[in-house]
C-alpha atoms as a PDB file:
ATOM      1  CA  MET A   1      -4.769   9.831   1.901  1.00  0.00           C
ATOM      2  CA  GLU A   2      -6.334  14.138   2.132  1.00  0.00           C
ATOM      3  CA  PRO A   3      -1.818  15.168   2.299  1.00  0.00           C
ATOM      4  CA  MET A   4      -1.091  13.653  -1.090  1.00  0.00           C
ATOM      5  CA  ASP A   5      -4.227  14.211  -2.420  1.00  0.00           C
ATOM      6  CA  ASP A   6      -3.875  18.366  -1.785  1.00  0.00           C
ATOM      7  CA  LYS A   7      -0.255  17.610  -2.741  1.00  0.00           C
ATOM      8  CA  TYR A   8      -0.175  15.395  -6.264  1.00  0.00           C
ATOM      9  CA  GLY A   9      -4.299  15.701  -6.746  1.00  0.00           C
ATOM     10  CA  GLY A  10      -5.033  12.392  -6.339  1.00  0.00           C
ATOM     11  CA  PHE A  11      -3.826   9.377  -9.130  1.00  0.00           C
ATOM     12  CA  ASP A  12      -4.680   9.242 -12.880  1.00  0.00           C
ATOM     13  CA  ARG A  13      -6.543   7.073 -15.086  1.00  0.00           C
ATOM     14  CA  THR A  14      -3.873   5.415 -16.685  1.00  0.00           C
ATOM     15  CA  ASP A  15      -1.216   4.880 -13.982  1.00  0.00           C
ATOM     16  CA  LEU A  16       0.277   1.650 -12.675  1.00  0.00           C
ATOM     17  CA  ILE A  17       0.865   2.224  -8.985  1.00  0.00           C
ATOM     18  CA  ILE A  18       3.305  -0.042  -7.343  1.00  0.00           C
ATOM     19  CA  LEU A  19       3.046   0.054  -3.238  1.00  0.00           C
ATOM     20  CA  ALA A  20       6.085  -2.126  -2.092  1.00  0.00           C
ATOM     21  CA  GLY A  21       7.125  -3.036   1.183  1.00  0.00           C
ATOM     22  CA  ARG A  22       8.660  -5.867   3.606  1.00  0.00           C
ATOM     23  CA  PRO A  23       6.586  -7.542   5.458  1.00  0.00           C
ATOM     24  CA  GLY A  24       4.556  -6.158   8.367  1.00  0.00           C
ATOM     25  CA  MET A  25       4.687  -2.877   6.346  1.00  0.00           C
ATOM     26  CA  GLY A  26       1.358  -2.679   5.757  1.00  0.00           C
ATOM     27  CA  LYS A  27       1.092  -2.509   1.745  1.00  0.00           C
ATOM     28  CA  THR A  28      -1.611  -4.461   1.598  1.00  0.00           C
ATOM     29  CA  GLU A  29      -3.902  -2.481   4.498  1.00  0.00           C
ATOM     30  CA  LEU A  30      -3.006   0.680   2.375  1.00  0.00           C
ATOM     31  CA  ALA A  31      -3.944  -0.963  -0.819  1.00  0.00           C
ATOM     32  CA  ILE A  32      -7.232  -1.352   1.003  1.00  0.00           C
ATOM     33  CA  MET A  33      -7.578   2.090   2.536  1.00  0.00           C
ATOM     34  CA  ILE A  34      -7.071   3.273  -1.255  1.00  0.00           C
ATOM     35  CA  ALA A  35      -9.873   0.951  -2.356  1.00  0.00           C
ATOM     36  CA  ASN A  36     -12.070   1.655   0.423  1.00  0.00           C
ATOM     37  CA  SER A  37     -11.172   5.821  -0.903  1.00  0.00           C
ATOM     38  CA  ILE A  38     -12.698   4.869  -4.247  1.00  0.00           C
ATOM     39  CA  GLY A  39     -15.691   3.168  -2.850  1.00  0.00           C
ATOM     40  CA  ARG A  40     -16.916   5.212  -0.647  1.00  0.00           C
ATOM     41  CA  SER A  41     -16.640   7.841  -4.124  1.00  0.00           C
ATOM     42  CA  LYS A  42     -19.388   5.032  -5.641  1.00  0.00           C
ATOM     43  CA  GLY A  43     -16.481   3.817  -7.297  1.00  0.00           C
ATOM     44  CA  ARG A  44     -16.678  -0.208  -8.732  1.00  0.00           C
ATOM     45  CA  GLY A  45     -13.606  -1.788  -7.830  1.00  0.00           C
ATOM     46  CA  LEU A  46     -11.485  -5.452  -8.402  1.00  0.00           C
ATOM     47  CA  PHE A  47      -9.447  -6.828  -6.164  1.00  0.00           C
ATOM     48  CA  VAL A  48      -7.387  -9.798  -7.253  1.00  0.00           C
ATOM     49  CA  SER A  49      -5.822 -11.570  -4.121  1.00  0.00           C
ATOM     50  CA  MET A  50      -3.152 -14.513  -4.240  1.00  0.00           C
ATOM     51  CA  GLU A  51      -2.160 -14.362  -0.828  1.00  0.00           C
ATOM     52  CA  MET A  52      -5.336 -14.055   1.010  1.00  0.00           C
ATOM     53  CA  SER A  53      -8.842 -15.742   0.287  1.00  0.00           C
ATOM     54  CA  GLU A  54     -11.910 -13.227  -0.094  1.00  0.00           C
ATOM     55  CA  MET A  55     -13.362 -13.356   3.239  1.00  0.00           C
ATOM     56  CA  GLN A  56     -10.114 -12.310   4.784  1.00  0.00           C
ATOM     57  CA  ILE A  57      -9.728  -9.548   2.342  1.00  0.00           C
ATOM     58  CA  VAL A  58     -13.365  -8.767   3.443  1.00  0.00           C
ATOM     59  CA  GLU A  59     -12.250  -8.646   7.319  1.00  0.00           C
ATOM     60  CA  ARG A  60      -9.527  -6.576   6.249  1.00  0.00           C
ATOM     61  CA  HIS A  61     -12.012  -4.065   4.451  1.00  0.00           C
ATOM     62  CA  VAL A  62     -14.816  -4.505   7.301  1.00  0.00           C
ATOM     63  CA  ALA A  63     -12.235  -3.391   9.731  1.00  0.00           C
ATOM     64  CA  ASP A  64     -10.216  -0.660   8.555  1.00  0.00           C
ATOM     65  CA  ARG A  65     -13.727   1.036   8.183  1.00  0.00           C
ATOM     66  CA  SER A  66     -14.936   0.049  11.583  1.00  0.00           C
ATOM     67  CA  GLY A  67     -11.054   0.814  12.998  1.00  0.00           C
ATOM     68  CA  LEU A  68     -11.476  -2.263  14.954  1.00  0.00           C
ATOM     69  CA  ALA A  69      -8.518  -4.785  14.432  1.00  0.00           C
ATOM     70  CA  VAL A  70      -9.150  -8.472  12.662  1.00  0.00           C
ATOM     71  CA  GLY A  71      -8.359  -9.924  15.657  1.00  0.00           C
ATOM     72  CA  ALA A  72     -11.234  -8.493  17.208  1.00  0.00           C
ATOM     73  CA  LEU A  73     -13.789  -9.562  14.289  1.00  0.00           C
ATOM     74  CA  ARG A  74     -12.949 -13.077  14.746  1.00  0.00           C
ATOM     75  CA  ASN A  75     -13.289 -12.157  18.846  1.00  0.00           C
ATOM     76  CA  PRO A  76     -17.253 -10.895  19.030  1.00  0.00           C
ATOM     77  CA  ASN A  77     -18.305 -12.554  22.280  1.00  0.00           C
ATOM     78  CA  ASP A  78     -15.631 -10.039  23.493  1.00  0.00           C
ATOM     79  CA  MET A  79     -17.248  -6.743  21.638  1.00  0.00           C
ATOM     80  CA  ILE A  80     -18.555  -4.265  23.799  1.00  0.00           C
ATOM     81  CA  ASP A  81     -21.538  -1.991  22.233  1.00  0.00           C
ATOM     82  CA  GLU A  82     -20.040   0.661  20.761  1.00  0.00           C
ATOM     83  CA  GLN A  83     -18.030  -1.710  18.809  1.00  0.00           C
ATOM     84  CA  PHE A  84     -20.683  -3.419  17.973  1.00  0.00           C
ATOM     85  CA  THR A  85     -22.133  -0.200  16.083  1.00  0.00           C
ATOM     86  CA  ARG A  86     -18.938   0.151  14.364  1.00  0.00           C
ATOM     87  CA  LEU A  87     -18.994  -2.761  12.963  1.00  0.00           C
ATOM     88  CA  THR A  88     -22.392  -2.755  12.035  1.00  0.00           C
ATOM     89  CA  VAL A  89     -22.018   0.518  10.286  1.00  0.00           C
ATOM     90  CA  ALA A  90     -18.952  -0.460   8.257  1.00  0.00           C
ATOM     91  CA  SER A  91     -20.756  -4.095   7.171  1.00  0.00           C
ATOM     92  CA  SER A  92     -23.946  -1.963   6.625  1.00  0.00           C
ATOM     93  CA  GLN A  93     -21.386   0.635   3.895  1.00  0.00           C
ATOM     94  CA  LEU A  94     -19.696  -2.280   2.429  1.00  0.00           C
ATOM     95  CA  GLN A  95     -23.057  -4.003   1.133  1.00  0.00           C
ATOM     96  CA  ASP A  96     -24.147  -0.727  -0.631  1.00  0.00           C
ATOM     97  CA  GLU A  97     -20.497  -0.335  -2.521  1.00  0.00           C
ATOM     98  CA  ASP A  98     -19.552  -1.978  -5.991  1.00  0.00           C
ATOM     99  CA  ASN A  99     -16.470  -3.508  -5.110  1.00  0.00           C
ATOM    100  CA  TYR A 100     -15.059  -6.855  -5.457  1.00  0.00           C
ATOM    101  CA  VAL A 101     -12.765  -9.633  -4.338  1.00  0.00           C
ATOM    102  CA  LEU A 102     -10.802 -12.280  -6.345  1.00  0.00           C
ATOM    103  CA  ASP A 103      -8.746 -14.317  -5.087  1.00  0.00           C
ATOM    104  CA  GLY A 104      -6.631 -17.942  -6.137  1.00  0.00           C
ATOM    105  CA  ALA A 105      -3.590 -17.955  -8.297  1.00  0.00           C
ATOM    106  CA  PHE A 106      -3.810 -16.288 -11.420  1.00  0.00           C
ATOM    107  CA  SER A 107      -1.382 -15.382 -14.554  1.00  0.00           C
ATOM    108  CA  VAL A 108      -1.603 -11.515 -16.008  1.00  0.00           C
ATOM    109  CA  ASP A 109      -3.558 -12.555 -18.813  1.00  0.00           C
ATOM    110  CA  GLU A 110      -6.340 -14.223 -16.501  1.00  0.00           C
ATOM    111  CA  ILE A 111      -6.901 -11.141 -14.267  1.00  0.00           C
ATOM    112  CA  ILE A 112      -6.578  -8.613 -17.173  1.00  0.00           C
ATOM    113  CA  ALA A 113      -9.259 -10.130 -19.404  1.00  0.00           C
ATOM    114  CA  HIS A 114     -11.216 -10.757 -15.684  1.00  0.00           C
ATOM    115  CA  ALA A 115     -10.880  -7.065 -15.161  1.00  0.00           C
ATOM    116  CA  GLU A 116     -11.924  -5.787 -18.943  1.00  0.00           C
ATOM    117  CA  ARG A 117     -15.287  -8.096 -18.732  1.00  0.00           C
ATOM    118  CA  MET A 118     -16.173  -5.626 -15.714  1.00  0.00           C
ATOM    119  CA  ASN A 119     -14.948  -3.247 -17.480  1.00  0.00           C
ATOM    120  CA  GLN A 120     -16.735  -3.518 -20.126  1.00  0.00           C
ATOM    121  CA  ASP A 121     -20.083  -4.642 -18.405  1.00  0.00           C
ATOM    122  CA  ASN A 122     -20.366  -1.259 -15.879  1.00  0.00           C
ATOM    123  CA  GLY A 123     -17.292   0.445 -15.801  1.00  0.00           C
ATOM    124  CA  LEU A 124     -14.201  -0.285 -13.447  1.00  0.00           C
ATOM    125  CA  SER A 125     -12.763   2.432 -11.048  1.00  0.00           C
ATOM    126  CA  PHE A 126      -9.458   0.610  -9.978  1.00  0.00           C
ATOM    127  CA  LEU A 127      -7.687  -2.652 -10.011  1.00  0.00           C
ATOM    128  CA  ALA A 128      -5.562  -3.889  -7.444  1.00  0.00           C
ATOM    129  CA  ILE A 129      -3.347  -7.163  -7.154  1.00  0.00           C
ATOM    130  CA  ASP A 130      -1.725  -8.804  -4.030  1.00  0.00           C
ATOM    131  CA  TYR A 131       0.576  -9.051  -5.395  1.00  0.00           C
ATOM    132  CA  LEU A 132       3.492  -9.453  -7.961  1.00  0.00           C
ATOM    133  CA  GLN A 133       5.620 -12.181  -7.058  1.00  0.00           C
ATOM    134  CA  LEU A 134       2.644 -14.330  -7.008  1.00  0.00           C
ATOM    135  CA  ILE A 135       1.259 -13.522  -9.539  1.00  0.00           C
ATOM    136  CA  LYS A 136       1.508 -16.939 -12.500  1.00  0.00           C
ATOM    137  CA  LYS A 137       5.435 -16.015 -14.762  1.00  0.00           C
ATOM    138  CA  PRO A 138       5.000 -16.607 -18.146  1.00  0.00           C
ATOM    139  CA  LYS A 139       7.897 -18.713 -19.326  1.00  0.00           C
ATOM    140  CA  ALA A 140      10.889 -16.692 -19.877  1.00  0.00           C
ATOM    141  CA  GLU A 141      14.570 -16.872 -20.333  1.00  0.00           C
ATOM    142  CA  ARG A 142      14.940 -14.913 -16.795  1.00  0.00           C
ATOM    143  CA  ASN A 143      13.145 -13.945 -14.278  1.00  0.00           C
ATOM    144  CA  ASP A 144      13.745 -10.541 -14.647  1.00  0.00           C
ATOM    145  CA  LEU A 145      12.159 -10.863 -17.937  1.00  0.00           C
ATOM    146  CA  ALA A 146       8.725 -12.025 -16.682  1.00  0.00           C
ATOM    147  CA  ILE A 147       8.668  -9.653 -14.718  1.00  0.00           C
ATOM    148  CA  ALA A 148       8.671  -7.101 -17.398  1.00  0.00           C
ATOM    149  CA  TYR A 149       6.389  -9.229 -19.118  1.00  0.00           C
ATOM    150  CA  ILE A 150       3.623  -8.791 -16.345  1.00  0.00           C
ATOM    151  CA  THR A 151       4.036  -4.667 -15.449  1.00  0.00           C
ATOM    152  CA  GLY A 152       4.383  -3.734 -19.242  1.00  0.00           C
ATOM    153  CA  ARG A 153       0.631  -6.023 -19.842  1.00  0.00           C
ATOM    154  CA  LEU A 154      -0.916  -4.283 -16.540  1.00  0.00           C
ATOM    155  CA  LYS A 155       0.309  -0.384 -17.569  1.00  0.00           C
ATOM    156  CA  GLN A 156      -1.247  -1.084 -21.113  1.00  0.00           C
ATOM    157  CA  PHE A 157      -4.505  -2.315 -19.514  1.00  0.00           C
ATOM    158  CA  ALA A 158      -4.392   1.166 -17.408  1.00  0.00           C
ATOM    159  CA  LEU A 159      -3.724   2.559 -20.588  1.00  0.00           C
ATOM    160  CA  ARG A 160      -6.303   0.836 -23.046  1.00  0.00           C
ATOM    161  CA  ASN A 161      -8.875   0.828 -20.059  1.00  0.00           C
ATOM    162  CA  LYS A 162      -8.840   4.139 -18.716  1.00  0.00           C
ATOM    163  CA  VAL A 163      -8.708   2.174 -15.041  1.00  0.00           C
ATOM    164  CA  PRO A 164      -5.284   2.334 -12.101  1.00  0.00           C
ATOM    165  CA  VAL A 165      -4.020  -0.767 -11.333  1.00  0.00           C
ATOM    166  CA  ILE A 166      -2.581  -0.581  -7.399  1.00  0.00           C
ATOM    167  CA  LEU A 167      -0.007  -3.362  -8.342  1.00  0.00           C
ATOM    168  CA  LEU A 168       1.593  -4.698  -4.615  1.00  0.00           C
ATOM    169  CA  SER A 169       5.019  -6.023  -4.604  1.00  0.00           C
ATOM    170  CA  GLN A 170       7.481  -7.548  -1.969  1.00  0.00           C
ATOM    171  CA  LEU A 171      11.075  -5.792  -1.595  1.00  0.00           C
ATOM    172  CA  ASN A 172      14.661  -7.306  -0.995  1.00  0.00           C
ATOM    173  CA  ARG A 173      15.973  -8.573   1.777  1.00  0.00           C
ATOM    174  CA  GLY A 174      19.058  -6.894   0.870  1.00  0.00           C
ATOM    175  CA  LEU A 175      17.870  -3.608   3.019  1.00  0.00           C
ATOM    176  CA  GLU A 176      16.926  -5.607   6.450  1.00  0.00           C
ATOM    177  CA  SER A 177      21.283  -5.560   6.415  1.00  0.00           C
ATOM    178  CA  ARG A 178      21.531  -1.352   6.102  1.00  0.00           C
ATOM    179  CA  ILE A 179      21.538   0.892   9.306  1.00  0.00           C
ATOM    180  CA  ASP A 180      19.353   2.778   7.774  1.00  0.00           C
ATOM    181  CA  LYS A 181      15.967   0.218   6.331  1.00  0.00           C
ATOM    182  CA  ARG A 182      14.132   2.378   4.763  1.00  0.00           C
ATOM    183  CA  PRO A 183      13.302   1.977   1.519  1.00  0.00           C
ATOM    184  CA  ASN A 184      14.488   2.851  -2.544  1.00  0.00           C
ATOM    185  CA  LEU A 185      13.933   2.019  -5.559  1.00  0.00           C
ATOM    186  CA  GLY A 186      16.863  -0.601  -5.918  1.00  0.00           C
ATOM    187  CA  ASP A 187      15.285  -2.833  -3.550  1.00  0.00           C
ATOM    188  CA  LEU A 188      12.420  -3.522  -5.836  1.00  0.00           C
ATOM    189  CA  ARG A 189      12.830  -7.177  -7.030  1.00  0.00           C
ATOM    190  CA  GLU A 190      13.825  -6.965 -10.800  1.00  0.00           C
ATOM    191  CA  SER A 191      13.456  -3.558  -9.719  1.00  0.00           C
ATOM    192  CA  GLY A 192      14.224  -2.271 -13.076  1.00  0.00           C
ATOM    193  CA  SER A 193      10.885  -2.939 -15.863  1.00  0.00           C
ATOM    194  CA  ILE A 194       8.657  -2.078 -12.445  1.00  0.00           C
ATOM    195  CA  GLU A 195      10.214   1.775 -11.958  1.00  0.00           C
ATOM    196  CA  GLN A 196      10.356   1.779 -15.879  1.00  0.00           C
ATOM    197  CA  ASP A 197       6.827   0.591 -16.047  1.00  0.00           C
ATOM    198  CA  ALA A 198       5.321   2.513 -12.986  1.00  0.00           C
ATOM    199  CA  ASP A 199       3.909   5.669 -12.791  1.00  0.00           C
ATOM    200  CA  VAL A 200       3.568   5.996  -9.032  1.00  0.00           C
ATOM    201  CA  VAL A 201       6.226   4.202  -6.705  1.00  0.00           C
ATOM    202  CA  ILE A 202       4.817   4.216  -2.764  1.00  0.00           C
ATOM    203  CA  PHE A 203       6.746   2.527  -0.245  1.00  0.00           C
ATOM    204  CA  PRO A 204       4.869   2.728   3.576  1.00  0.00           C
ATOM    205  CA  TYR A 205       7.243   1.789   6.333  1.00  0.00           C
ATOM    206  CA  ARG A 206       7.136   1.089  10.079  1.00  0.00           C
ATOM    207  CA  ASP A 207      10.265   1.950  11.813  1.00  0.00           C
ATOM    208  CA  GLU A 208       8.652   0.088  14.951  1.00  0.00           C
ATOM    209  CA  VAL A 209       8.674  -3.080  13.310  1.00  0.00           C
ATOM    210  CA  TYR A 210      12.890  -3.152  13.034  1.00  0.00           C
ATOM    211  CA  ASP A 211      13.006  -0.838  16.564  1.00  0.00           C
ATOM    212  CA  GLU A 212      10.794  -2.207  19.352  1.00  0.00           C
ATOM    213  CA  HIS A 213      11.875   1.091  21.878  1.00  0.00           C
ATOM    214  CA  SER A 214      10.987   3.388  18.336  1.00  0.00           C
ATOM    215  CA  LYS A 215      10.154   6.725  18.752  1.00  0.00           C
ATOM    216  CA  PHE A 216       7.963   6.412  16.465  1.00  0.00           C
ATOM    217  CA  LYS A 217       5.533   3.638  17.252  1.00  0.00           C
ATOM    218  CA  GLY A 218       2.099   4.605  16.170  1.00  0.00           C
ATOM    219  CA  ILE A 219       3.396   6.444  13.188  1.00  0.00           C
ATOM    220  CA  ALA A 220       3.852   5.153   9.785  1.00  0.00           C
ATOM    221  CA  GLU A 221       5.943   6.807   6.779  1.00  0.00           C
ATOM    222  CA  ILE A 222       4.151   6.865   3.131  1.00  0.00           C
ATOM    223  CA  ILE A 223       7.187   7.222   1.069  1.00  0.00           C
ATOM    224  CA  VAL A 224       6.440   8.508  -2.455  1.00  0.00           C
ATOM    225  CA  GLU A 225       9.938   7.125  -4.491  1.00  0.00           C
ATOM    226  CA  LYS A 226       8.026   7.546  -7.854  1.00  0.00           C
ATOM    227  CA  TYR A 227       5.665  10.285  -8.991  1.00  0.00           C
ATOM    228  CA  ARG A 228       5.890  10.845 -12.807  1.00  0.00           C
ATOM    229  CA  SER A 229       3.785  13.544 -12.324  1.00  0.00           C
ATOM    230  CA  GLY A 230       5.145  15.438  -9.818  1.00  0.00           C
ATOM    231  CA  GLN A 231       8.026  15.056  -7.423  1.00  0.00           C
ATOM    232  CA  PRO A 232       8.789  12.841  -4.776  1.00  0.00           C
ATOM    233  CA  GLY A 233       8.256  13.042  -1.442  1.00  0.00           C
ATOM    234  CA  THR A 234       7.563  11.595   2.484  1.00  0.00           C
ATOM    235  CA  PHE A 235       3.893  11.708   3.798  1.00  0.00           C
ATOM    236  CA  TYR A 236       2.894  10.721   7.794  1.00  0.00           C
ATOM    237  CA  ILE A 237      -0.212   8.821   8.963  1.00  0.00           C
ATOM    238  CA  GLY A 238      -0.763   6.931  12.358  1.00  0.00           C
ATOM    239  CA  TRP A 239      -0.992   3.491  13.094  1.00  0.00           C
ATOM    240  CA  ARG A 240      -3.483   1.717  15.330  1.00  0.00           C
ATOM    241  CA  ASN A 241      -5.120  -1.658  15.634  1.00  0.00           C
ATOM    242  CA  GLY A 242      -3.597  -2.808  12.180  1.00  0.00           C
ATOM    243  CA  HIS A 243      -5.019   0.240  10.115  1.00  0.00           C
ATOM    244  CA  PHE A 244      -3.399   3.820   8.993  1.00  0.00           C
ATOM    245  CA  THR A 245      -5.232   6.872  10.795  1.00  0.00           C
ATOM    246  CA  ARG A 246      -4.939  10.260  10.043  1.00  0.00           C
ATOM    247  CA  ILE A 247      -2.034  12.406  12.073  1.00  0.00           C
ATOM    248  CA  ASP A 248      -1.017  15.972  11.816  1.00  0.00           C
ATOM    249  CA  GLN A 249       1.795  16.248   9.305  1.00  0.00           C
ATOM    250  CA  GLN A 250       3.623  19.046  10.829  1.00  0.00           C
ATOM    251  CA  GLU A 251       3.717  17.618  14.755  1.00  0.00           C
ATOM    252  CA  ALA A 252       4.759  14.275  12.872  1.00  0.00           C
ATOM    253  CA  ALA A 253       7.675  16.088  10.555  1.00  0.00           C
ATOM    254  CA  ALA A 254       8.809  17.313  13.484  1.00  0.00           C
ATOM    255  CA  ARG A 255       9.530  14.519  16.008  1.00  0.00           C
ATOM    256  CA  TYR A 256      11.107  13.082  13.166  1.00  0.00           C
ATOM    257  CA  ALA A 257      13.545  16.092  12.611  1.00  0.00           C
ATOM    258  CA  GLN A 258      13.531  16.260  16.476  1.00  0.00           C
ATOM    259  CA  ASN A 259      14.877  12.769  16.542  1.00  0.00           C
ATOM    260  CA  GLU A 260      17.190  13.288  13.144  1.00  0.00           C
ATOM    261  CA  ASP A 261      18.938  15.898  14.995  1.00  0.00           C
ATOM    262  CA  GLU A 262      19.038  14.101  18.958  1.00  0.00           C
ATOM    263  CA  ALA A 263      20.830  11.169  16.937  1.00  0.00           C
ATOM    264  CA  LYS A 264      24.002  13.597  15.186  1.00  0.00           C
ATOM    265  CA  PRO A 265      27.380  12.912  16.836  1.00  0.00           C
ATOM    266  CA  LYS A 266      27.721  16.415  19.638  1.00  0.00           C
ATOM    267  CA  SER A 267      30.839  18.371  19.503  1.00  0.00           C
ATOM    268  CA  ASN A 268      32.636  19.426  22.240  1.00  0.00           C
ATOM    269  CA  TRP A 269      34.318  23.485  22.897  1.00  0.00           C
ATOM    270  CA  ARG A 270      37.019  22.117  20.835  1.00  0.00           C
ATOM    271  CA  GLY A 271      35.549  20.670  17.765  1.00  0.00           C
ATOM    272  CA  GLN A 272      35.727  17.420  18.708  1.00  0.00           C
ATOM    273  CA  LYS A 273      33.217  15.040  18.748  1.00  0.00           C
ATOM    274  CA  ALA A 274      32.111  14.211  21.717  1.00  0.00           C
ATOM    275  CA  GLY A 275      33.278  11.017  23.321  1.00  0.00           C
END
């Protein structure tokens, strides 16, 4: 995402990057977008999925590249010629790249062993894992200690191998009861170790998931809540056909500012809130 790259200069090779959100916010899509960006620069990546099959991940990669909805790929008879062309180009691009998908149920040590073998063979540009709560947990007295072991091991892997780790995570359901459902660090499940070990914490947020009449349909927020070597910030990105798309940052920011201003209670000439 160019606005983020302009501000932060990209991720460091030793970063543990947390992408966290409630269902429907697009965290898997964001991870795939980052993976595709690295793949386009001829990096070699490993995407470990414990929620979707290898074929589903590949479908999402192709859909992201082509700008088509995943559903359209599964109903090719309904495609027009222009869509077939985009699909063919996207598939050809992926075949020329060096990204791998591993699906199944794994412990963090099994994931690291596989990634280290790949890194020793021909190098590895990133390791993405979907998602934290599905990783087989080690035996521990408490769940937060098991989570701490996982995040600690992944941070050690990143430091030792100079390979950034993109770790997806679910958020607590508690934010659903808030008026403002934008997440914060306290919404991370077993947040202590995750927040401590992470170099970067990113929350994708789509207001239209909660409000079908939202004024921000088609716009998502990418909330960078923690960036160890920089300041937090919020970026705006489009959402179309289940994919993130580029939009003008200033225009989106102006829309958000206007909406917040309209939402503030108005005062009458006596200085009292209007009823």
